[in-house]
Protein backbone atom coordinates (compact mmCIF):
# COMPACT_ATOMS: atom_id res chain seq x y z
CA UNK A 1 22.97 9.19 -5.38
CA UNK A 2 24.48 11.54 -2.45
CA UNK A 3 21.69 14.18 -2.90
CA UNK A 4 18.78 11.70 -2.96
CA UNK A 5 18.39 11.93 0.98
CA UNK A 6 17.08 15.59 0.61
CA UNK A 7 14.32 14.51 -1.87
CA UNK A 8 13.09 11.88 0.66
CA UNK A 9 13.56 13.37 3.98
CA UNK A 10 10.56 13.14 6.13
CA UNK A 11 8.62 16.51 6.42
CA UNK A 12 6.67 17.52 9.41
CA UNK A 13 2.86 17.04 9.81
CA UNK A 14 0.58 19.82 8.94
CA UNK A 15 -0.54 20.22 12.53
CA UNK A 16 -0.93 17.91 14.79
CA UNK A 17 -11.83 -10.08 9.22
CA UNK A 18 -10.18 -12.38 11.43
CA UNK A 19 -9.80 -12.68 15.31
CA UNK A 20 -6.79 -11.33 16.72
CA UNK A 21 -6.39 -11.13 20.61
CA UNK A 22 -5.33 -7.67 21.44
CA UNK A 23 -7.09 -6.50 24.49
CA UNK A 24 -7.29 -2.73 25.39
CA UNK A 25 -5.85 -1.32 28.58
CA UNK A 26 -8.17 -1.58 31.62
CA UNK A 27 -9.88 -4.68 30.48
CA UNK A 28 -12.28 -2.98 28.21
CA UNK A 29 -14.77 -5.26 26.35
CA UNK A 30 -14.12 -6.46 22.76
CA UNK A 31 -17.61 -5.35 21.80
CA UNK A 32 -17.90 -2.32 19.32
CA UNK A 33 -21.53 -1.60 20.10
CA UNK A 34 -22.35 1.89 21.09
CA UNK A 35 -24.04 5.10 19.70
CA UNK A 36 -22.25 6.39 16.70
CA UNK A 37 -22.69 10.00 18.11
CA UNK A 38 -20.77 8.93 21.22
CA UNK A 39 -18.12 11.20 22.90
CA UNK A 40 -14.62 11.41 21.33
CA UNK A 41 -13.27 9.17 23.92
CA UNK A 42 -15.90 6.55 23.36
CA UNK A 43 -15.41 6.52 19.62
CA UNK A 44 -11.57 6.15 20.00
CA UNK A 45 -12.17 3.05 22.34
CA UNK A 46 -14.29 1.75 19.84
CA UNK A 47 -11.85 2.35 17.23
CA UNK A 48 -9.05 0.69 19.09
CA UNK A 49 -11.28 -2.44 19.54
CA UNK A 50 -12.38 -2.49 16.05
CA UNK A 51 -8.90 -2.30 14.90
CA UNK A 52 -8.01 -5.11 17.07
CA UNK A 53 -10.10 -7.43 15.25
CA UNK A 54 -9.53 -5.81 11.68
CA UNK A 55 -6.07 -4.25 11.59
CA UNK A 56 -4.69 -2.10 9.03
CA UNK A 57 -3.06 -3.36 5.84
CA UNK A 58 -1.13 -0.33 4.83
CA UNK A 59 -0.59 0.22 1.24
CA UNK A 60 2.67 2.27 1.15
CA UNK A 61 5.64 2.97 3.31
CA UNK A 62 8.74 4.81 2.20
CA UNK A 63 10.62 3.15 5.24
CA UNK A 64 13.37 1.24 3.14
CA UNK A 65 14.74 4.37 1.59
CA UNK A 66 14.66 6.33 4.64
CA UNK A 67 16.43 3.60 6.58
CA UNK A 68 19.31 3.34 4.20
CA UNK A 69 20.41 6.94 5.31
CA UNK A 70 20.51 6.17 8.99
CA UNK A 71 23.98 4.88 10.46
CA UNK A 72 21.95 2.87 13.11
CA UNK A 73 18.33 2.03 13.97
CA UNK A 74 16.25 -0.15 16.17
CA UNK A 75 12.63 -0.64 15.11
CA UNK A 76 11.85 -2.88 18.04
CA UNK A 77 12.75 -0.37 20.72
CA UNK A 78 11.62 2.66 18.68
CA UNK A 79 13.12 4.88 16.22
CA UNK A 80 12.50 8.71 16.41
CA UNK A 81 14.24 9.23 13.19
CA UNK A 82 11.40 7.91 11.15
CA UNK A 83 7.48 7.87 11.17
CA UNK A 84 7.39 3.93 11.28
CA UNK A 85 8.54 1.61 13.97
CA UNK A 86 7.12 -1.62 15.65
CA UNK A 87 5.76 0.01 18.80
CA UNK A 88 3.89 2.79 16.87
CA UNK A 89 2.67 0.13 14.33
CA UNK A 90 1.49 -1.85 17.40
CA UNK A 91 -0.31 1.16 18.84
CA UNK A 92 -2.00 1.92 15.42
CA UNK A 93 -2.87 -1.74 14.94
CA UNK A 94 -0.93 -2.19 11.78
CA UNK A 95 -1.09 -5.98 10.71
CA UNK A 96 0.48 -5.70 7.32
CA UNK A 97 2.62 -3.21 5.47
CA UNK A 98 3.78 -2.71 1.87
CA UNK A 99 7.53 -1.51 1.98
CA UNK A 100 7.80 0.55 -1.19
CA UNK A 101 10.85 0.20 -3.39
CA UNK A 102 10.35 3.42 -5.36
CA UNK A 103 13.12 5.45 -6.55
CA UNK A 104 13.69 9.10 -7.61
CA UNK A 105 12.82 9.69 -11.18
CA UNK A 106 16.47 10.53 -12.06
CA UNK A 107 17.27 6.89 -11.77
CA UNK A 108 16.76 4.60 -14.69
CA UNK A 109 18.23 1.78 -16.45
CA UNK A 110 21.00 -0.32 -14.74
CA UNK A 111 21.00 2.26 -11.80
CA UNK A 112 17.20 1.61 -11.04
CA UNK A 113 17.61 -2.15 -11.19
CA UNK A 114 20.83 -1.99 -8.89
CA UNK A 115 19.09 0.31 -6.39
CA UNK A 116 15.83 -1.76 -6.38
CA UNK A 117 17.89 -4.94 -5.73
CA UNK A 118 19.72 -3.09 -2.74
CA UNK A 119 16.44 -1.95 -1.43
CA UNK A 120 15.10 -5.70 -1.46
CA UNK A 121 18.23 -6.71 0.32
CA UNK A 122 17.84 -4.01 3.01
CA UNK A 123 14.10 -5.15 3.57
CA UNK A 124 15.11 -8.72 4.19
CA UNK A 125 17.99 -7.50 6.44
CA UNK A 126 15.68 -5.42 8.40
CA UNK A 127 13.01 -8.09 8.74
CA UNK A 128 15.69 -10.68 9.86
CA UNK A 129 17.03 -8.29 12.52
CA UNK A 130 13.53 -7.74 13.94
CA UNK A 131 12.27 -11.24 14.35
CA UNK A 132 10.01 -10.58 17.17
CA UNK A 133 8.06 -7.86 15.52
CA UNK A 134 8.33 -8.27 11.65
CA UNK A 135 7.87 -11.25 9.28
CA UNK A 136 8.49 -11.35 5.53
CA UNK A 137 5.28 -12.24 3.71
CA UNK A 138 4.77 -12.51 0.12
CA UNK A 139 1.61 -14.55 -0.16
CA UNK A 140 -1.65 -14.62 1.83
CA UNK A 141 -0.74 -17.53 4.04
CA UNK A 142 2.40 -16.12 5.74
CA UNK A 143 0.50 -12.86 6.13
CA UNK A 144 -2.32 -14.61 8.21
CA UNK A 145 0.36 -16.60 10.01
CA UNK A 146 2.32 -13.40 10.91
CA UNK A 147 -0.70 -11.79 12.25
CA UNK A 148 -1.66 -14.73 14.61
CA UNK A 149 1.87 -14.85 15.84
CA UNK A 150 1.65 -11.27 16.91
CA UNK A 151 4.05 -9.99 14.06
CA UNK A 152 3.56 -7.42 11.52
CA UNK A 153 3.83 -8.78 7.75
CA UNK A 154 6.15 -7.04 5.50
CA UNK A 155 5.28 -7.00 1.77
CA UNK A 156 8.13 -5.80 -0.58
CA UNK A 157 6.68 -3.41 -3.04
CA UNK A 158 5.46 -1.63 -4.89
CA UNK A 159 8.77 -1.19 -6.98
CA UNK A 160 8.82 1.32 -9.88
CA UNK A 161 8.46 -0.16 -13.41
CA UNK A 162 11.94 1.34 -14.27
CA UNK A 163 13.35 -1.42 -11.86
CA UNK A 164 12.58 -4.05 -14.69
CA UNK A 165 14.92 -2.43 -17.23
CA UNK A 166 12.36 -3.52 -19.89
CA UNK A 167 13.19 -7.23 -19.16
CA UNK A 168 10.67 -9.85 -18.08
CA UNK A 169 13.65 -12.11 -16.78
CA UNK A 170 14.39 -9.23 -14.30
CA UNK A 171 10.69 -9.14 -13.32
CA UNK A 172 10.89 -12.68 -12.55
CA UNK A 173 13.97 -12.40 -10.49
CA UNK A 174 12.62 -9.55 -8.56
CA UNK A 175 9.50 -11.74 -7.80
CA UNK A 176 11.79 -14.64 -6.77
CA UNK A 177 13.40 -12.05 -4.25
CA UNK A 178 9.95 -11.13 -2.76
CA UNK A 179 8.54 -8.42 -4.80
CA UNK A 180 4.87 -8.23 -4.40
CA UNK A 181 3.76 -5.14 -6.28
CA UNK A 182 4.90 -3.05 -9.41
CA UNK A 183 3.81 0.54 -10.38
CA UNK A 184 3.13 0.67 -13.99
CA UNK A 185 4.24 4.19 -14.90
CA UNK A 186 7.28 6.18 -15.85
CA UNK A 187 8.30 3.96 -18.76
CA UNK A 188 8.24 3.68 -22.64
CA UNK A 189 5.69 1.00 -22.28
CA UNK A 190 3.44 2.46 -19.30
CA UNK A 191 3.48 6.17 -20.06
CA UNK A 192 1.21 9.34 -20.41
CA UNK A 193 0.44 7.92 -23.96
CA UNK A 194 -0.80 4.68 -22.26
CA UNK A 195 0.23 1.04 -22.24
CA UNK A 196 1.92 -0.48 -25.31
CA UNK A 197 1.75 -3.99 -26.36
CA UNK A 198 4.89 -4.96 -24.52
CA UNK A 199 3.37 -3.31 -21.34
CA UNK A 200 0.23 -5.50 -21.67
CA UNK A 201 2.75 -8.47 -21.91
CA UNK A 202 4.47 -7.25 -18.70
CA UNK A 203 1.07 -7.12 -17.05
CA UNK A 204 0.27 -10.66 -18.11
CA UNK A 205 3.46 -11.91 -16.72
CA UNK A 206 2.81 -10.18 -13.45
CA UNK A 207 -0.55 -12.07 -13.36
CA UNK A 208 1.23 -15.21 -14.09
CA UNK A 209 3.64 -14.59 -11.06
CA UNK A 210 1.18 -13.05 -8.63
CA UNK A 211 2.67 -9.49 -8.71
CA UNK A 212 -0.14 -7.03 -8.14
CA UNK A 213 -0.26 -4.03 -10.48
CA UNK A 214 -0.10 -0.65 -8.85
CA UNK A 215 -1.59 2.14 -11.04
CA UNK A 216 -1.07 5.27 -8.94
CA UNK A 217 0.59 7.76 -11.03
CA UNK A 218 -0.25 6.26 -14.34
CA UNK A 219 -2.17 7.99 -17.10
CA UNK A 220 -5.92 7.56 -17.56
CA UNK A 221 -5.18 5.50 -20.63
CA UNK A 222 -2.84 3.27 -18.66
CA UNK A 223 -5.34 2.74 -15.72
CA UNK A 224 -8.18 2.04 -18.00
CA UNK A 225 -6.12 -0.54 -20.26
CA UNK A 226 -4.57 -2.29 -17.24
CA UNK A 227 -8.19 -2.57 -15.75
CA UNK A 228 -9.18 -4.25 -18.94
CA UNK A 229 -6.12 -6.60 -19.43
CA UNK A 230 -5.40 -7.68 -15.84
CA UNK A 231 -6.85 -11.13 -14.87
CA UNK A 232 -6.31 -10.25 -11.14
CA UNK A 233 -7.48 -7.18 -9.18
CA UNK A 234 -5.24 -3.97 -9.33
CA UNK A 235 -4.44 -1.44 -6.73
CA UNK A 236 -3.72 2.23 -6.68
CA UNK A 237 -1.39 2.30 -3.77
CA UNK A 238 -1.46 6.15 -3.46
CA UNK A 239 -4.55 7.79 -4.78
CA UNK A 240 -7.34 9.71 -3.42
CA UNK A 241 -10.34 11.53 -4.97
CA UNK A 242 -9.64 14.10 -7.61
CA UNK A 243 -13.08 15.63 -7.33
CA UNK A 244 -12.08 16.71 -3.81
CA UNK A 245 -8.37 17.69 -4.39
CA UNK A 246 -6.83 18.03 -7.88
CA UNK A 247 -3.67 16.19 -7.42
CA UNK A 248 -2.28 14.39 -10.38
CA UNK A 249 -2.12 11.03 -8.64
CA UNK A 250 -5.58 11.15 -7.39
CA UNK A 251 -8.32 9.52 -9.56
CA UNK A 252 -11.27 11.18 -11.28
CA UNK A 253 -14.75 9.72 -10.69
CA UNK A 254 -14.81 7.86 -14.07
CA UNK A 255 -11.60 6.05 -13.19
CA UNK A 256 -12.86 5.24 -9.66
CA UNK A 257 -15.88 3.83 -11.41
CA UNK A 258 -13.85 1.77 -13.61
CA UNK A 259 -11.73 0.62 -10.74
CA UNK A 260 -14.84 -0.46 -8.86
CA UNK A 261 -16.03 -2.41 -11.61
CA UNK A 262 -13.07 -4.71 -11.55
CA UNK A 263 -13.15 -4.81 -7.71
CA UNK A 264 -9.67 -3.10 -7.71
CA UNK A 265 -8.68 -0.99 -4.51
CA UNK A 266 -8.05 2.64 -4.22
CA UNK A 267 -5.77 3.20 -1.16
CA UNK A 268 -6.19 6.68 0.14
CA UNK A 269 -2.91 8.23 1.33
CA UNK A 270 -2.75 10.04 4.57
CA UNK A 271 -0.89 13.02 3.25
CA UNK A 272 -1.83 16.77 3.33
CA UNK A 273 -0.78 17.14 -0.27
CA UNK A 274 -3.19 14.60 -1.54
CA UNK A 275 -6.06 14.59 0.81
CA UNK A 276 -5.83 17.81 3.06
CA UNK A 277 -4.64 19.01 6.28
CA UNK A 278 -6.92 17.48 8.72
CA UNK A 279 -8.11 13.89 9.56
CA UNK A 280 -11.58 15.03 8.43
CA UNK A 281 -10.32 15.86 5.06
CA UNK A 282 -8.92 12.25 4.80
CA UNK A 283 -12.40 10.89 5.98
CA UNK A 284 -14.07 12.93 3.20
CA UNK A 285 -11.98 11.22 0.53
CA UNK A 286 -12.80 7.78 2.00
CA UNK A 287 -16.35 8.81 1.93
CA UNK A 288 -16.14 9.83 -1.61
CA UNK A 289 -14.20 6.82 -2.83
CA UNK A 290 -16.64 4.39 -1.15
CA UNK A 291 -19.50 6.19 -2.54
CA UNK A 292 -18.16 6.18 -6.14
CA UNK A 293 -16.22 2.87 -6.14
CA UNK A 294 -18.14 0.79 -3.51
CA UNK A 295 -17.05 -0.23 -0.09
CA UNK A 296 -15.06 -3.28 -1.58
CA UNK A 297 -12.81 -0.90 -3.43
CA UNK A 298 -11.26 1.50 -0.64
CA UNK A 299 -8.18 1.16 1.46
CA UNK A 300 -5.46 2.94 3.58
CA UNK A 301 -1.95 4.07 2.62
CA UNK A 302 -0.12 5.75 5.44
CA UNK A 303 2.58 6.83 3.10
CA UNK A 304 4.77 7.42 5.93
CA UNK A 305 8.54 8.00 5.59
CA UNK A 306 8.07 9.09 2.06
CA UNK A 307 8.99 12.67 2.38
CA UNK A 308 5.63 14.20 2.61
CA UNK A 309 3.63 16.07 5.28
CA UNK A 310 0.64 14.43 7.10
CA UNK A 311 -2.72 15.66 8.22
CA UNK A 312 -3.16 16.84 11.89
CA UNK A 313 -3.73 13.94 14.23
CA UNK A 314 -2.13 11.61 11.63
CA UNK A 315 1.43 12.39 12.23
CA UNK A 316 2.80 8.70 12.18
CA UNK A 317 1.63 4.88 12.12
CA UNK A 318 0.29 5.03 15.48
CA UNK A 319 -2.52 7.25 14.69
CA UNK A 320 -4.89 5.08 12.72
CA UNK A 321 -7.21 4.89 15.57
CA UNK A 322 -8.11 8.42 15.37
CA UNK A 323 -9.00 8.13 11.58
CA UNK A 324 -11.28 5.11 12.37
CA UNK A 325 -13.11 7.16 15.01
CA UNK A 326 -13.66 9.84 12.67
CA UNK A 327 -15.36 7.14 10.29
CA UNK A 328 -17.31 5.96 13.29
CA UNK A 329 -18.54 9.39 13.98
CA UNK A 330 -19.73 9.57 10.40
CA UNK A 331 -21.73 6.24 10.85
CA UNK A 332 -19.40 3.92 8.90
CA UNK A 333 -20.39 0.33 9.85
CA UNK A 334 -17.98 -2.28 11.40
CA UNK A 335 -18.38 -4.29 8.19
CA UNK A 336 -17.22 -1.35 5.79
CA UNK A 337 -14.48 -0.30 8.28
CA UNK A 338 -13.29 -4.08 8.21
CA UNK A 339 -13.08 -4.09 4.48
CA UNK A 340 -11.33 -0.67 4.48
CA UNK A 341 -8.50 -1.65 6.89
CA UNK A 342 -7.97 -5.27 6.04
CA UNK A 343 -10.65 -7.18 3.98
CA UNK A 344 -10.20 -5.46 0.71
CA UNK A 345 -6.27 -5.79 0.51
CA UNK A 346 -6.53 -9.33 1.73
CA UNK A 347 -9.01 -10.03 -1.24
CA UNK A 348 -6.69 -8.65 -3.90
CA UNK A 349 -3.63 -10.60 -2.52
CA UNK A 350 -5.79 -13.94 -2.61
CA UNK A 351 -7.14 -13.54 -5.93
CA UNK A 352 -3.69 -12.32 -7.37
CA UNK A 353 -2.33 -15.59 -5.80
CA UNK A 354 -5.21 -17.77 -7.30
CA UNK A 355 -4.95 -15.98 -10.77
CA UNK A 356 -1.14 -16.88 -10.57
CA UNK A 357 -1.66 -20.59 -9.80
CA UNK A 358 -4.22 -21.05 -12.60
CA UNK A 359 -1.99 -18.97 -15.07
CA UNK A 360 0.98 -21.06 -14.40
CA UNK A 361 -0.89 -24.04 -15.41
CA UNK A 362 -1.56 -22.75 -18.91
CA UNK A 363 1.23 -20.30 -19.55
CA UNK A 364 4.97 -20.73 -19.71
CA UNK A 365 7.18 -17.73 -18.69
CA UNK A 366 7.20 -15.16 -21.34
CA UNK A 367 10.47 -14.67 -23.33
CA UNK A 368 9.16 -11.58 -25.06
CA UNK A 369 11.47 -8.66 -25.33
CA UNK A 370 10.27 -5.15 -25.92
CA UNK A 371 11.48 -4.92 -29.51
CA UNK A 372 9.16 -7.83 -30.28
CA UNK A 373 6.38 -5.55 -29.75
CA UNK A 374 7.31 -1.93 -29.69
CA UNK A 375 10.51 -2.04 -31.95
């Protein structure tokens, strides 16, 4: 475990739908009207105003693992050792944030379960110690409450599938502790060979609980099968367009089409490795995903504090307005940007919650074991 810090140390950057009162400095108007081809300053002003009304629901932060290696930190005052703190999230208009519980691939079995529990405990401890800025939110209602109280909603997850130890009982326990999303890859039941019958049972139990399936990094067969089996929308928490950049976690157009057909959301990561070295490269991916999957199927994933370099002008969580300004320059409508930043993720969470309530009326907790299906 001692050598894991080096794996996840933050690398340098590659260069440099509800109402929410958040006025801009200088008393600027809350209107987003203005020419799409305005000056850079005008576009940035418009981006700030738009994000004040439709903040970012960020699909992936590596902060839990990064914080466990710091002897002391204060996210309320600001923390230079990480990419994400409360002042920078406020400056970037982040309204909700998934705190990933992913682990290095070298951990599996009991070690993976234990390390995931440790991270969940850390998430709760960090939120409790920053009550003025953060609020734990595992369902849509508390997310909205956090936003209207001026706090940032923290959603635990995604965790790696290895955290289950092939046990649905552990899945239920993690959900009871607040887990909101699980990545379906890297196990015997969700592998390069696809999803097994036990994997399908895991997904059905996730639907019953309201745990959202994250398919980033999953094989094409796993993605297709999960889209077919899941009764709730799925996420790809860290996937861009493979047609523009051939990274293994990026999605080819056929899978983007499949994701769009089931109203899932592809959350484009702000990483140089997956999207490219500039803010315009990231915008190219957003354009492509929107064109192929539809405007209701694209979201944002900062992927800050996950040990990866970021594009120029997107160095940390404060920089989202620069990306939105670029989208405005390209002619994105306010409605499409509102879906991108906030609306699409909220829809997925609401539908997952509704699916869980309905499933719990019809289905008892599964007692299936992996040997019952795949033994």
